[in-house]
């Protein structure tokens, strides 16, 4: 229903932070005290206060058939994936990371392949925000996407299978990839240029 639960990792205790109905909550992330939520098949995105759960903003990213799947935040933008279309959505952020209301669509080009099924899923931004790492769940290919142009380059993972790749997390040059239905977690060590990786862990 779009609600979000907040809990303590040490005790497991918590409660509903965002209490809504009629929405969808898929990928989420917290940045500068704000909770960014992907709205799945609604085509929408939501932003809440991470402490109170109060709504800060809501956006229609697209009116076309879609599945807004995941989100990452850079210094000046929140980026959302769409598993049903070869495009990303950029929500501009102003002072304090608060959304300005400006939404841009960035088509995915270059090596990106749009195939039947779920495509763009997990997303993570490099520290300077110029490159977006995006996993394609169906092809299993990890891409390094130029945040200015949308040009995607396939990351050489040495043949590692990343099909069903879902949520991803970048820590330094280590990328964690959740493979949902495979019930697996992959660890990749990325090169400084983000274009190649070796499997670790």
N, C-alpha and C. Protein backbone atom coordinates (compact mmCIF):
# COMPACT_ATOMS: atom_id res chain seq x y z
N UNK A 1 0.81 -1.22 0.00
CA UNK A 1 0.00 0.00 0.00
C UNK A 1 0.85 1.27 0.00
N UNK A 2 2.17 1.14 -0.08
CA UNK A 2 3.06 2.30 -0.11
C UNK A 2 3.59 2.72 1.24
N UNK A 3 3.17 2.04 2.31
CA UNK A 3 3.67 2.39 3.64
C UNK A 3 5.13 1.94 3.79
N UNK A 4 5.83 2.58 4.72
CA UNK A 4 7.24 2.25 4.97
C UNK A 4 7.43 2.05 6.46
N UNK A 5 8.08 0.96 6.82
CA UNK A 5 8.37 0.61 8.21
C UNK A 5 9.79 1.03 8.54
N UNK A 6 10.01 1.50 9.77
CA UNK A 6 11.35 1.91 10.22
C UNK A 6 11.67 1.17 11.50
N UNK A 7 12.83 0.50 11.53
CA UNK A 7 13.17 -0.30 12.69
C UNK A 7 14.62 -0.17 13.10
N UNK A 8 14.93 -0.69 14.27
CA UNK A 8 16.28 -0.68 14.85
C UNK A 8 16.98 -1.97 14.46
N UNK A 9 18.14 -1.87 13.79
CA UNK A 9 18.86 -3.06 13.34
C UNK A 9 19.41 -3.88 14.49
N UNK A 10 19.59 -3.28 15.64
CA UNK A 10 20.14 -4.02 16.78
C UNK A 10 19.07 -4.82 17.52
N UNK A 11 17.87 -4.23 17.63
CA UNK A 11 16.82 -4.87 18.43
C UNK A 11 15.71 -5.49 17.58
N UNK A 12 15.56 -5.04 16.34
CA UNK A 12 14.46 -5.50 15.50
C UNK A 12 13.15 -4.80 15.79
N UNK A 13 13.16 -3.90 16.75
CA UNK A 13 11.93 -3.19 17.09
C UNK A 13 11.76 -1.97 16.19
N UNK A 14 10.49 -1.67 15.88
CA UNK A 14 10.22 -0.52 15.05
C UNK A 14 8.74 -0.30 14.89
N UNK A 15 8.38 0.58 13.95
CA UNK A 15 6.98 0.89 13.70
C UNK A 15 6.84 1.48 12.31
N UNK A 16 5.61 1.66 11.88
CA UNK A 16 5.36 2.25 10.57
C UNK A 16 5.71 3.73 10.61
N UNK A 17 6.61 4.13 9.71
CA UNK A 17 7.02 5.53 9.62
C UNK A 17 6.12 6.30 8.67
N UNK A 18 5.92 5.73 7.48
CA UNK A 18 5.06 6.35 6.46
C UNK A 18 3.79 5.52 6.39
N UNK A 19 2.68 6.09 6.81
CA UNK A 19 1.41 5.37 6.86
C UNK A 19 0.50 5.93 5.77
N UNK A 20 0.51 5.27 4.61
CA UNK A 20 -0.31 5.71 3.48
C UNK A 20 -1.07 4.53 2.92
N UNK A 21 -1.94 4.80 1.96
CA UNK A 21 -2.70 3.74 1.29
C UNK A 21 -2.88 4.16 -0.16
N UNK A 22 -2.96 3.16 -1.05
CA UNK A 22 -3.18 3.47 -2.45
C UNK A 22 -1.92 3.84 -3.21
N UNK A 23 -0.78 3.69 -2.57
CA UNK A 23 0.49 3.94 -3.25
C UNK A 23 1.27 2.62 -3.33
N UNK A 24 2.49 2.69 -3.86
CA UNK A 24 3.39 1.54 -3.93
C UNK A 24 4.76 1.99 -3.46
N UNK A 25 5.45 1.16 -2.71
CA UNK A 25 6.82 1.45 -2.29
C UNK A 25 7.70 0.28 -2.71
N UNK A 26 8.68 0.57 -3.57
CA UNK A 26 9.60 -0.48 -4.04
C UNK A 26 10.99 -0.11 -3.52
N UNK A 27 11.91 0.32 -4.39
CA UNK A 27 13.23 0.71 -3.92
C UNK A 27 13.18 1.99 -3.11
N UNK A 28 14.01 2.05 -2.06
CA UNK A 28 14.06 3.23 -1.19
C UNK A 28 15.51 3.57 -0.86
N UNK A 29 15.73 4.82 -0.50
CA UNK A 29 17.02 5.23 0.03
C UNK A 29 16.83 6.47 0.89
N UNK A 30 17.75 6.68 1.83
CA UNK A 30 17.71 7.84 2.71
C UNK A 30 18.93 8.71 2.43
N UNK A 31 18.71 10.01 2.30
CA UNK A 31 19.82 10.93 2.06
C UNK A 31 19.47 12.29 2.66
N UNK A 32 20.38 12.83 3.47
CA UNK A 32 20.23 14.14 4.08
C UNK A 32 18.87 14.30 4.79
N UNK A 33 18.48 13.23 5.47
CA UNK A 33 17.27 13.29 6.26
C UNK A 33 15.98 13.11 5.49
N UNK A 34 16.09 12.75 4.21
CA UNK A 34 14.91 12.53 3.38
C UNK A 34 14.86 11.09 2.90
N UNK A 35 13.66 10.54 2.83
CA UNK A 35 13.43 9.18 2.36
C UNK A 35 12.85 9.25 0.96
N UNK A 36 13.58 8.67 -0.01
CA UNK A 36 13.17 8.66 -1.41
C UNK A 36 12.60 7.27 -1.73
N UNK A 37 11.42 7.23 -2.35
CA UNK A 37 10.70 5.98 -2.56
C UNK A 37 10.30 5.85 -4.02
N UNK A 38 10.60 4.69 -4.62
CA UNK A 38 10.18 4.37 -5.99
C UNK A 38 8.78 3.80 -5.97
N UNK A 39 7.95 4.26 -6.90
CA UNK A 39 6.52 3.93 -6.87
C UNK A 39 6.05 2.81 -7.75
N UNK A 40 6.97 1.95 -8.24
CA UNK A 40 6.54 0.78 -9.01
C UNK A 40 5.69 1.13 -10.22
N UNK A 41 4.59 0.40 -10.39
CA UNK A 41 3.75 0.55 -11.58
C UNK A 41 2.94 1.84 -11.59
N UNK A 42 2.97 2.62 -10.52
CA UNK A 42 2.26 3.90 -10.52
C UNK A 42 2.93 4.92 -11.43
N UNK A 43 4.23 4.74 -11.72
CA UNK A 43 4.99 5.72 -12.48
C UNK A 43 5.42 6.91 -11.66
N UNK A 44 5.20 6.84 -10.34
CA UNK A 44 5.46 7.97 -9.46
C UNK A 44 6.68 7.74 -8.57
N UNK A 45 7.10 8.81 -7.93
CA UNK A 45 8.14 8.76 -6.89
C UNK A 45 7.69 9.65 -5.75
N UNK A 46 8.12 9.29 -4.53
CA UNK A 46 7.69 10.02 -3.34
C UNK A 46 8.91 10.35 -2.49
N UNK A 47 8.79 11.46 -1.76
CA UNK A 47 9.84 11.87 -0.85
C UNK A 47 9.19 12.21 0.49
N UNK A 48 9.74 11.62 1.56
CA UNK A 48 9.21 11.83 2.90
C UNK A 48 10.32 12.29 3.84
N UNK A 49 9.92 12.92 4.93
CA UNK A 49 10.86 13.24 6.00
C UNK A 49 11.24 11.93 6.69
N UNK A 50 12.53 11.63 6.76
CA UNK A 50 12.97 10.33 7.29
C UNK A 50 12.78 10.21 8.79
N UNK A 51 12.55 11.31 9.48
CA UNK A 51 12.32 11.26 10.93
C UNK A 51 10.83 11.19 11.28
N UNK A 52 10.03 12.01 10.60
CA UNK A 52 8.61 12.09 10.95
C UNK A 52 7.71 11.28 10.02
N UNK A 53 8.19 10.99 8.81
CA UNK A 53 7.36 10.31 7.82
C UNK A 53 6.45 11.24 7.04
N UNK A 54 6.50 12.53 7.32
CA UNK A 54 5.65 13.51 6.62
C UNK A 54 6.06 13.60 5.16
N UNK A 55 5.06 13.77 4.28
CA UNK A 55 5.37 13.89 2.86
C UNK A 55 6.04 15.22 2.57
N UNK A 56 7.12 15.15 1.78
CA UNK A 56 7.83 16.34 1.34
C UNK A 56 7.46 16.67 -0.10
N UNK A 57 7.35 15.62 -0.94
CA UNK A 57 7.03 15.83 -2.35
C UNK A 57 6.57 14.52 -2.97
N UNK A 58 5.82 14.64 -4.07
CA UNK A 58 5.42 13.50 -4.88
C UNK A 58 5.52 13.91 -6.34
N UNK A 59 6.01 12.98 -7.18
CA UNK A 59 6.26 13.30 -8.58
C UNK A 59 5.69 12.22 -9.49
N UNK A 60 5.13 12.64 -10.62
CA UNK A 60 4.84 11.70 -11.70
C UNK A 60 6.06 11.69 -12.61
N UNK A 61 6.77 10.57 -12.63
CA UNK A 61 7.96 10.47 -13.46
C UNK A 61 7.60 10.17 -14.90
N UNK A 62 6.55 9.36 -15.09
CA UNK A 62 6.08 9.03 -16.43
C UNK A 62 4.63 8.61 -16.36
N UNK A 63 3.90 8.89 -17.45
CA UNK A 63 2.50 8.45 -17.55
C UNK A 63 2.37 7.20 -18.42
N UNK A 64 3.49 6.73 -18.95
CA UNK A 64 3.50 5.52 -19.78
C UNK A 64 3.55 4.28 -18.89
N UNK A 65 3.19 3.10 -19.43
CA UNK A 65 3.34 1.86 -18.64
C UNK A 65 4.77 1.75 -18.11
N UNK A 66 4.90 1.47 -16.82
CA UNK A 66 6.22 1.56 -16.21
C UNK A 66 6.28 0.73 -14.94
N UNK A 67 7.50 0.57 -14.44
CA UNK A 67 7.73 0.03 -13.11
C UNK A 67 8.93 0.76 -12.54
N UNK A 68 8.66 1.80 -11.75
CA UNK A 68 9.74 2.59 -11.14
C UNK A 68 10.31 1.76 -10.00
N UNK A 69 11.56 1.31 -10.18
CA UNK A 69 12.07 0.21 -9.37
C UNK A 69 13.02 0.60 -8.25
N UNK A 70 13.97 1.48 -8.54
CA UNK A 70 14.98 1.77 -7.52
C UNK A 70 15.43 3.21 -7.66
N UNK A 71 16.20 3.66 -6.65
CA UNK A 71 16.61 5.07 -6.59
C UNK A 71 17.98 5.18 -5.96
N UNK A 72 18.75 6.14 -6.45
CA UNK A 72 20.00 6.54 -5.81
C UNK A 72 20.06 8.05 -5.80
N UNK A 73 20.82 8.61 -4.87
CA UNK A 73 20.87 10.07 -4.72
C UNK A 73 22.30 10.55 -4.83
N UNK A 74 22.51 11.61 -5.62
CA UNK A 74 23.80 12.28 -5.72
C UNK A 74 23.69 13.65 -5.04
N UNK A 75 24.70 14.45 -5.18
CA UNK A 75 24.69 15.77 -4.53
C UNK A 75 23.54 16.63 -5.04
N UNK A 76 23.23 16.53 -6.34
CA UNK A 76 22.24 17.46 -6.91
C UNK A 76 21.05 16.79 -7.57
N UNK A 77 20.89 15.46 -7.40
CA UNK A 77 19.76 14.79 -8.06
C UNK A 77 19.44 13.45 -7.42
N UNK A 78 18.18 13.06 -7.55
CA UNK A 78 17.76 11.69 -7.24
C UNK A 78 17.47 11.01 -8.57
N UNK A 79 18.00 9.80 -8.74
CA UNK A 79 17.87 9.06 -10.00
C UNK A 79 17.03 7.81 -9.79
N UNK A 80 16.03 7.60 -10.66
CA UNK A 80 15.12 6.48 -10.55
C UNK A 80 15.20 5.61 -11.81
N UNK A 81 15.15 4.28 -11.62
CA UNK A 81 15.12 3.35 -12.75
C UNK A 81 13.69 2.98 -13.11
N UNK A 82 13.50 2.57 -14.36
CA UNK A 82 12.23 2.08 -14.86
C UNK A 82 12.48 0.72 -15.51
N UNK A 83 11.96 -0.34 -14.92
CA UNK A 83 12.23 -1.69 -15.42
C UNK A 83 11.50 -1.99 -16.71
N UNK A 84 10.57 -1.12 -17.12
CA UNK A 84 9.78 -1.37 -18.32
C UNK A 84 10.15 -0.47 -19.50
N UNK A 85 11.09 0.42 -19.33
CA UNK A 85 11.50 1.33 -20.40
C UNK A 85 12.98 1.65 -20.27
N UNK A 86 13.61 1.90 -21.42
CA UNK A 86 15.05 2.18 -21.43
C UNK A 86 15.30 3.65 -21.13
N UNK A 87 14.99 4.04 -19.89
CA UNK A 87 15.20 5.43 -19.49
C UNK A 87 15.31 5.53 -17.98
N UNK A 88 16.03 6.55 -17.55
CA UNK A 88 16.15 6.91 -16.14
C UNK A 88 15.46 8.25 -15.94
N UNK A 89 15.14 8.56 -14.68
CA UNK A 89 14.49 9.82 -14.36
C UNK A 89 15.34 10.56 -13.33
N UNK A 90 15.57 11.84 -13.63
CA UNK A 90 16.39 12.69 -12.76
C UNK A 90 15.48 13.72 -12.09
N UNK A 91 15.44 13.67 -10.77
CA UNK A 91 14.72 14.66 -9.99
C UNK A 91 15.75 15.60 -9.38
N UNK A 92 15.71 16.86 -9.78
CA UNK A 92 16.72 17.82 -9.32
C UNK A 92 16.54 18.11 -7.83
N UNK A 93 17.68 18.28 -7.14
CA UNK A 93 17.69 18.59 -5.72
C UNK A 93 18.31 19.96 -5.49
N UNK A 94 17.71 20.72 -4.59
CA UNK A 94 18.22 22.04 -4.25
C UNK A 94 18.99 22.00 -2.94
N UNK A 95 19.07 23.13 -2.26
CA UNK A 95 19.79 23.20 -0.98
C UNK A 95 19.25 22.19 0.04
N UNK A 96 20.16 21.52 0.73
CA UNK A 96 19.77 20.53 1.72
C UNK A 96 19.24 19.26 1.13
N UNK A 97 19.37 19.11 -0.19
CA UNK A 97 18.90 17.89 -0.84
C UNK A 97 17.40 17.85 -1.07
N UNK A 98 16.71 18.98 -0.89
CA UNK A 98 15.26 19.03 -1.07
C UNK A 98 14.92 19.09 -2.56
N UNK A 99 13.99 18.26 -3.05
CA UNK A 99 13.62 18.27 -4.47
C UNK A 99 13.08 19.63 -4.91
N UNK A 100 13.47 20.04 -6.11
CA UNK A 100 13.02 21.32 -6.65
C UNK A 100 11.72 21.18 -7.43
N UNK A 101 11.36 19.97 -7.81
CA UNK A 101 10.17 19.75 -8.62
C UNK A 101 10.48 19.52 -10.08
N UNK A 102 11.74 19.70 -10.47
CA UNK A 102 12.14 19.52 -11.87
C UNK A 102 12.47 18.06 -12.13
N UNK A 103 11.77 17.45 -13.12
CA UNK A 103 11.99 16.05 -13.48
C UNK A 103 12.44 15.98 -14.94
N UNK A 104 13.53 15.26 -15.19
CA UNK A 104 14.03 15.06 -16.55
C UNK A 104 14.10 13.57 -16.85
N UNK A 105 13.83 13.22 -18.11
CA UNK A 105 13.96 11.83 -18.58
C UNK A 105 15.26 11.68 -19.33
N UNK A 106 16.05 10.66 -18.97
CA UNK A 106 17.32 10.40 -19.62
C UNK A 106 17.25 9.05 -20.32
N UNK A 107 17.14 9.02 -21.67
CA UNK A 107 17.12 7.74 -22.38
C UNK A 107 18.45 6.99 -22.22
N UNK A 108 18.36 5.67 -22.08
CA UNK A 108 19.55 4.83 -22.02
C UNK A 108 19.96 4.43 -23.42
N UNK A 109 21.21 4.70 -23.78
CA UNK A 109 21.71 4.43 -25.12
C UNK A 109 22.98 3.60 -25.02
N UNK A 110 23.76 3.58 -26.09
CA UNK A 110 25.02 2.84 -26.09
C UNK A 110 24.80 1.35 -26.04
N UNK A 111 25.42 0.69 -25.07
CA UNK A 111 25.37 -0.78 -24.98
C UNK A 111 24.10 -1.29 -24.31
N UNK A 112 23.22 -0.41 -23.90
CA UNK A 112 22.01 -0.86 -23.21
C UNK A 112 21.13 -1.70 -24.14
N UNK A 113 20.66 -2.86 -23.66
CA UNK A 113 19.75 -3.71 -24.42
C UNK A 113 18.45 -3.85 -23.64
N UNK A 114 17.34 -3.41 -24.25
CA UNK A 114 16.02 -3.55 -23.65
C UNK A 114 15.40 -4.84 -24.15
N UNK A 115 15.11 -5.78 -23.26
CA UNK A 115 14.62 -7.10 -23.64
C UNK A 115 13.30 -7.36 -22.93
N UNK A 116 12.56 -8.41 -23.33
CA UNK A 116 11.32 -8.73 -22.61
C UNK A 116 11.59 -9.01 -21.13
N UNK A 117 10.65 -8.64 -20.28
CA UNK A 117 10.81 -8.85 -18.85
C UNK A 117 11.32 -7.60 -18.15
N UNK A 118 11.82 -7.77 -16.92
CA UNK A 118 12.35 -6.66 -16.14
C UNK A 118 13.74 -6.31 -16.63
N UNK A 119 13.99 -5.03 -16.83
CA UNK A 119 15.28 -4.57 -17.31
C UNK A 119 16.00 -3.75 -16.23
N UNK A 120 16.06 -2.43 -16.38
CA UNK A 120 16.79 -1.62 -15.39
C UNK A 120 16.20 -1.82 -14.00
N UNK A 121 17.06 -2.16 -13.06
CA UNK A 121 16.59 -2.43 -11.71
C UNK A 121 17.45 -1.63 -10.72
N UNK A 122 18.39 -2.28 -10.03
CA UNK A 122 19.20 -1.57 -9.04
C UNK A 122 20.07 -0.49 -9.65
N UNK A 123 20.28 0.58 -8.88
CA UNK A 123 21.09 1.70 -9.35
C UNK A 123 21.93 2.24 -8.20
N UNK A 124 23.16 2.63 -8.51
CA UNK A 124 24.05 3.26 -7.53
C UNK A 124 24.88 4.31 -8.25
N UNK A 125 25.20 5.38 -7.57
CA UNK A 125 25.99 6.46 -8.15
C UNK A 125 27.42 6.41 -7.63
N UNK A 126 28.37 6.71 -8.50
CA UNK A 126 29.75 6.84 -8.06
C UNK A 126 29.89 8.10 -7.21
N UNK A 127 30.97 8.22 -6.41
CA UNK A 127 31.08 9.33 -5.46
C UNK A 127 30.91 10.72 -6.07
N UNK A 128 31.38 10.94 -7.30
CA UNK A 128 31.26 12.27 -7.89
C UNK A 128 29.94 12.46 -8.65
N UNK A 129 29.12 11.41 -8.72
CA UNK A 129 27.81 11.51 -9.34
C UNK A 129 27.80 11.55 -10.85
N UNK A 130 28.96 11.39 -11.48
CA UNK A 130 29.00 11.47 -12.94
C UNK A 130 28.69 10.15 -13.62
N UNK A 131 28.81 9.05 -12.88
CA UNK A 131 28.55 7.72 -13.43
C UNK A 131 27.50 7.02 -12.57
N UNK A 132 26.53 6.40 -13.25
CA UNK A 132 25.49 5.63 -12.57
C UNK A 132 25.66 4.17 -12.93
N UNK A 133 25.75 3.31 -11.93
CA UNK A 133 25.84 1.88 -12.16
C UNK A 133 24.42 1.32 -12.13
N UNK A 134 24.03 0.64 -13.21
CA UNK A 134 22.67 0.13 -13.35
C UNK A 134 22.72 -1.33 -13.76
N UNK A 135 21.98 -2.17 -13.03
CA UNK A 135 21.94 -3.60 -13.34
C UNK A 135 20.68 -3.91 -14.15
N UNK A 136 20.84 -4.73 -15.19
CA UNK A 136 19.69 -5.21 -15.96
C UNK A 136 19.36 -6.61 -15.46
N UNK A 137 18.18 -6.76 -14.85
CA UNK A 137 17.82 -8.03 -14.22
C UNK A 137 17.72 -9.17 -15.21
N UNK A 138 17.25 -8.89 -16.43
CA UNK A 138 17.02 -9.97 -17.40
C UNK A 138 18.29 -10.40 -18.09
N UNK A 139 19.12 -9.45 -18.52
CA UNK A 139 20.35 -9.81 -19.22
C UNK A 139 21.48 -10.15 -18.25
N UNK A 140 21.39 -9.66 -17.01
CA UNK A 140 22.45 -9.88 -16.04
C UNK A 140 23.67 -9.01 -16.27
N UNK A 141 23.51 -7.98 -17.11
CA UNK A 141 24.64 -7.11 -17.43
C UNK A 141 24.62 -5.87 -16.53
N UNK A 142 25.77 -5.56 -15.96
CA UNK A 142 25.96 -4.33 -15.19
C UNK A 142 26.46 -3.25 -16.14
N UNK A 143 25.88 -2.06 -16.05
CA UNK A 143 26.27 -0.97 -16.95
C UNK A 143 26.78 0.22 -16.15
N UNK A 144 27.76 0.89 -16.73
CA UNK A 144 28.21 2.19 -16.26
C UNK A 144 27.59 3.23 -17.18
N UNK A 145 26.72 4.06 -16.63
CA UNK A 145 25.95 5.02 -17.44
C UNK A 145 26.45 6.43 -17.18
N UNK A 146 26.74 7.15 -18.26
CA UNK A 146 27.13 8.55 -18.16
C UNK A 146 25.90 9.35 -17.74
N UNK A 147 25.95 9.99 -16.58
CA UNK A 147 24.79 10.70 -16.05
C UNK A 147 24.43 11.93 -16.87
N UNK A 148 25.35 12.40 -17.71
CA UNK A 148 25.07 13.58 -18.53
C UNK A 148 24.41 13.21 -19.86
N UNK A 149 24.76 12.03 -20.41
CA UNK A 149 24.29 11.68 -21.75
C UNK A 149 23.39 10.45 -21.80
N UNK A 150 23.44 9.59 -20.79
CA UNK A 150 22.68 8.34 -20.81
C UNK A 150 23.37 7.21 -21.55
N UNK A 151 24.58 7.46 -22.06
CA UNK A 151 25.30 6.40 -22.77
C UNK A 151 25.76 5.33 -21.79
N UNK A 152 25.37 4.09 -22.07
CA UNK A 152 25.69 2.97 -21.19
C UNK A 152 26.84 2.15 -21.76
N UNK A 153 27.75 1.76 -20.90
CA UNK A 153 28.86 0.88 -21.25
C UNK A 153 28.76 -0.37 -20.39
N UNK A 154 28.81 -1.53 -21.03
CA UNK A 154 28.76 -2.78 -20.28
C UNK A 154 30.03 -2.95 -19.46
N UNK A 155 29.87 -3.22 -18.18
CA UNK A 155 31.02 -3.44 -17.30
C UNK A 155 31.50 -4.88 -17.49
N UNK A 156 32.79 -5.04 -17.72
CA UNK A 156 33.37 -6.37 -17.89
C UNK A 156 33.49 -7.04 -16.52
N UNK A 157 32.60 -8.00 -16.26
CA UNK A 157 32.60 -8.69 -14.97
C UNK A 157 33.23 -10.08 -15.07
N UNK A 158 33.98 -10.31 -16.14
CA UNK A 158 34.68 -11.59 -16.28
C UNK A 158 33.75 -12.77 -16.47
N UNK A 159 32.56 -12.53 -16.99
CA UNK A 159 31.61 -13.61 -17.23
C UNK A 159 30.74 -13.96 -16.04
N UNK A 160 30.85 -13.20 -14.95
CA UNK A 160 30.03 -13.48 -13.77
C UNK A 160 28.56 -13.27 -14.10
N UNK A 161 27.72 -14.18 -13.66
CA UNK A 161 26.28 -14.08 -13.92
C UNK A 161 25.62 -13.18 -12.88
N UNK A 162 24.93 -12.16 -13.35
CA UNK A 162 24.22 -11.25 -12.47
C UNK A 162 22.74 -11.17 -12.83
N UNK A 163 22.23 -12.21 -13.51
CA UNK A 163 20.80 -12.25 -13.80
C UNK A 163 20.02 -12.21 -12.49
N UNK A 164 18.83 -11.64 -12.56
CA UNK A 164 17.99 -11.40 -11.37
C UNK A 164 18.64 -10.41 -10.42
N UNK A 165 19.58 -9.61 -10.94
CA UNK A 165 20.19 -8.57 -10.14
C UNK A 165 19.14 -7.54 -9.74
N UNK A 166 19.11 -7.21 -8.47
CA UNK A 166 18.06 -6.34 -7.94
C UNK A 166 18.71 -5.15 -7.24
N UNK A 167 18.56 -5.01 -5.94
CA UNK A 167 19.18 -3.90 -5.23
C UNK A 167 20.69 -3.99 -5.27
N UNK A 168 21.36 -2.85 -5.46
CA UNK A 168 22.82 -2.82 -5.45
C UNK A 168 23.30 -1.72 -4.50
N UNK A 169 24.49 -1.92 -3.95
CA UNK A 169 25.07 -0.97 -3.01
C UNK A 169 26.55 -0.83 -3.31
N UNK A 170 26.99 0.42 -3.52
CA UNK A 170 28.39 0.71 -3.79
C UNK A 170 29.04 1.26 -2.53
N UNK A 171 30.10 0.59 -2.07
CA UNK A 171 30.89 1.04 -0.93
C UNK A 171 32.34 1.12 -1.37
N UNK A 172 32.83 2.34 -1.58
CA UNK A 172 34.16 2.49 -2.16
C UNK A 172 34.13 1.97 -3.58
N UNK A 173 34.97 0.95 -3.86
CA UNK A 173 34.95 0.32 -5.18
C UNK A 173 34.36 -1.10 -5.11
N UNK A 174 33.73 -1.42 -3.98
CA UNK A 174 33.06 -2.72 -3.84
C UNK A 174 31.58 -2.55 -4.10
N UNK A 175 31.05 -3.36 -5.01
CA UNK A 175 29.64 -3.31 -5.34
C UNK A 175 28.97 -4.60 -4.89
N UNK A 176 27.93 -4.46 -4.07
CA UNK A 176 27.14 -5.59 -3.63
C UNK A 176 25.89 -5.68 -4.50
N UNK A 177 25.60 -6.86 -5.03
CA UNK A 177 24.45 -7.07 -5.91
C UNK A 177 23.57 -8.16 -5.33
N UNK A 178 22.32 -7.81 -4.99
CA UNK A 178 21.35 -8.81 -4.55
C UNK A 178 20.73 -9.47 -5.78
N UNK A 179 20.80 -10.81 -5.84
CA UNK A 179 20.14 -11.57 -6.91
C UNK A 179 18.89 -12.19 -6.30
N UNK A 180 17.77 -11.51 -6.50
CA UNK A 180 16.56 -11.80 -5.74
C UNK A 180 16.11 -13.25 -5.74
N UNK A 181 15.60 -13.75 -6.86
CA UNK A 181 15.06 -15.11 -6.88
C UNK A 181 16.13 -16.18 -6.76
N UNK A 182 17.38 -15.81 -6.99
CA UNK A 182 18.48 -16.75 -6.79
C UNK A 182 18.87 -16.84 -5.32
N UNK A 183 18.36 -15.92 -4.52
CA UNK A 183 18.67 -15.88 -3.09
C UNK A 183 20.18 -15.83 -2.86
N UNK A 184 20.85 -14.96 -3.65
CA UNK A 184 22.30 -14.85 -3.57
C UNK A 184 22.71 -13.38 -3.45
N UNK A 185 23.91 -13.18 -2.93
CA UNK A 185 24.52 -11.86 -2.84
C UNK A 185 25.88 -11.94 -3.50
N UNK A 186 26.07 -11.13 -4.56
CA UNK A 186 27.35 -11.11 -5.26
C UNK A 186 28.18 -9.91 -4.83
N UNK A 187 29.48 -10.12 -4.70
CA UNK A 187 30.41 -9.04 -4.35
C UNK A 187 31.35 -8.82 -5.52
N UNK A 188 31.39 -7.59 -6.03
CA UNK A 188 32.25 -7.24 -7.15
C UNK A 188 33.25 -6.18 -6.74
N UNK A 189 34.50 -6.34 -7.16
CA UNK A 189 35.53 -5.33 -6.93
C UNK A 189 35.72 -4.57 -8.24
N UNK A 190 35.30 -3.32 -8.27
CA UNK A 190 35.33 -2.53 -9.49
C UNK A 190 36.66 -1.82 -9.69
N UNK A 191 37.02 -1.63 -10.95
CA UNK A 191 38.22 -0.88 -11.29
C UNK A 191 37.97 0.61 -11.07
N UNK A 192 39.04 1.42 -10.97
CA UNK A 192 38.86 2.87 -10.74
C UNK A 192 38.04 3.58 -11.81
N UNK A 193 38.03 3.05 -13.04
CA UNK A 193 37.24 3.68 -14.10
C UNK A 193 35.83 3.11 -14.19
N UNK A 194 35.48 2.15 -13.30
CA UNK A 194 34.15 1.56 -13.19
C UNK A 194 33.79 0.65 -14.37
N UNK A 195 34.74 0.33 -15.26
CA UNK A 195 34.40 -0.40 -16.48
C UNK A 195 34.74 -1.87 -16.42
N UNK A 196 35.37 -2.34 -15.35
CA UNK A 196 35.65 -3.76 -15.20
C UNK A 196 35.54 -4.12 -13.73
N UNK A 197 35.35 -5.42 -13.49
CA UNK A 197 35.16 -5.88 -12.11
C UNK A 197 35.59 -7.32 -11.98
N UNK A 198 36.01 -7.69 -10.78
CA UNK A 198 36.30 -9.07 -10.46
C UNK A 198 35.38 -9.49 -9.33
N UNK A 199 35.01 -10.76 -9.33
CA UNK A 199 34.13 -11.28 -8.29
C UNK A 199 34.95 -11.55 -7.04
N UNK A 200 34.47 -11.04 -5.89
CA UNK A 200 35.17 -11.25 -4.63
C UNK A 200 34.25 -11.92 -3.64
N UNK A 201 34.74 -12.13 -2.42
CA UNK A 201 33.91 -12.71 -1.36
C UNK A 201 33.78 -14.20 -1.48
